[in-house]
Amino acid sequence: MSRDFAVWAPRAGTVELRAGGARLPLRGTDDGWWRLADTAAVPEGEADYGYLLDGEDRALPDPRSRRQPDGVHGLSRTFDAGAHPWQDQDWVSPGLSGVIYELHIGTFTPEGTLDAAAGKLDYLAGLGVDYVQLLPVNAYNGTHNWGYDGVLWFAVQESYGGPAAYQRFVDAAHAKGIGVIQDVVYNHLGPSGNYLPRFGPYLSSSSANTWGDSVNLDGPGSDEVRRFITDNVLMWFRDYHVDGLRLDAVHALRDERAVHILEEIAAVTDDCAAELGKPLFLIAESDLNNPRLIEPRQSNGYGLAGQWSDDFHHAVHVNLTGEASGYYADFAGLGALEKVLQDGFFHDGSYSSFRERHHGRPINKERVAAPQLVVCTQNHDQIGNRAAGDRLTGSLGYGQLALAAVLNLTAPFTPMLFMGEEFAASTPWQFFTSHPEPELGEATSAGRLKEFERMGWDRQTVPDPQDPRTFRNSKLDWTEPETGDHARMLELYKRLIRLRKEQPELTDPDFAAVSVQTDPGAGWLILHRGPLAICCNFATESRVVPASGTVVLATDDGAAYTAASAAGREDGAGSDGTGAFDGLVLPGHSAAIVRSGASG
């Protein structure tokens, strides 16, 4: 356990350490760091401590605190990251590949803890996912939160179980053959408990993003701020054995330096991977549609392994739900989905009516592989940022939900599921907070209502984020996977994930191996992945699609997938009795995966 008790506080005239009831002076240096000269003055073992700036009597938590047992306003507590007896020596990370499962610790289980989530790992292994991606777990004020209001980036939220529970979770996940991706937030800090500006120039008042002052990445003092970030990256990889990081809203990182912070983080990650002898990767959440993020550094890219592509979500959502307002406006029609499936982005320099300007740039398919784009049909943002936090199950039936599953898990990208999606969870996932400060709670509730004005949603449907029922309503109901269409949907997801592992064409990374046919008038789309044809009927009525071969998987098990002539006959012509045919009649709101030139 480190006993250095060092803190970067260039704005302080004096710094003292409060530990064990004593006030111990720290010695300052020209670079703004303060260190305890006599480390023996603090007894060995676990210690609660804080820093006193400029003679004040109130101790502030350590900016690099590993534990906050009494909340983000309380004292920090030392944590020995090396004490955990890791058992994951045989774990081999596949790198950025496979299926990702996004979950929120607080609502994934009734208990809302890391240990309880570990109890569901057998279920996730049975589902077949390759990674769990945890929403942020860094310390925030209050008892429950999405996690994006964190203020102490090095501390694991105590209500989740703290840092030791996090280590147990990762170890248990690796034992089940499941990797761990941690969502981290480097673009802003939460509104309560952020004491960083008291210590140094962590924020820049000259620039702002959606959440307030930007993190100081390029101004005076930014060398140490950037080191603060890269040291946090290394902490997750070294002390917690995570396999990858998802970087929140990187478009909000304001950085004009020659080496962008994303490029620096990527270089540090690659160096750490070489040091540890295992793959480590970074995924950026970005709405820039800029492939530079994932292009190699030797080609003047940032060198990240992957980035989210919201365009895929929007194109699938609009074609299934018919919603075409706000940022969905440009995605109506199967043409949008066709373009996304073949090119990765829809907006690749085209005009965005929502932004009222041109947006994005084309992907260079020689430098970027399709799986570098992480896609989904539901995620925490796309559900939780709806007025009522309603999932697709709130408006779509089984057939349409099955179409979403097929598209997500057979597209050329890296698919991500949101917890409960795989069994068509009926519970909402709403925006919830637990700000103890009344004025902050009121401001959050009011701001939430204002946020939906542009989208035109009914204010009456917006739940109060501060109401504890909003949080409780968002917890998964684990009785659902065992019943009715929930169980049927779960089985479909298992079959699709298993098929991804069995059929190499579904994980071919080459954009050139993808082609799409559509008939917008009839409402069908066929995604071709080598000899596999993924046939999707978005219409409510049966449609004849030009597919030939053997049905590998069908979403409507009760339907008769019959052969058809060019004129649309459904007499079984061409069938050889083994399931082979010369054309396919696809029931309404259904999909079938067909392999050509083979039987069985």
Foldseek 3Di string as FASTA:
>chain_A
DDLWPKAQFQPFPWKWKQKPNDTATWDADPLRMTTGPDSVVHPDDKIWMFMDGHPDPQGAEGLQAAADQPALRGTGMDDDLPPDPFDLPVFAQPALFFEEEEEEQQFADVLSALVVVLVCLVVVVLLPGAEYEYQAQATAGFQDASRQQHQRLNWGHVSNPIDVSLLVNQSSNSVSNHAYEYEGEQWDHHDPSRCVVNRHQQFDQVDADPHGTTGPCADPPNVVNLVVVLVSLVCCCPSRVHAEYEYEACVSHDYDDPQDSLLVSLVSQVVVCVVVVHHHFYEYEYPQQECLQCFPVVVVRSNGQAYEACLLLLLLCCLQQVDQDAQSVVNPFCVSNQCCLLFVHSQAQDARPNVRGRGHHTDDLVGFWQQRYEYENDELCVQALDQQQFDPLVGDDLLSLLVRLLCQLQRQYHYYHYNLSQLSFGQGAYGADAHPDPVVLVVVQVVSLVVCVRVPDDSVNHDRRNPVVNSVSNHTDVVRCVDDSSVLSNVSSSLSSVVCVVDVLSHPRRSVQWHKDDDRVQQWIWIGRDQKTKIFHSAQAKDKDQDWAAWPDKSCVVDDFAAADPVGDRPRPADPPQRTYRITTHGHSMITMGGHPDGD
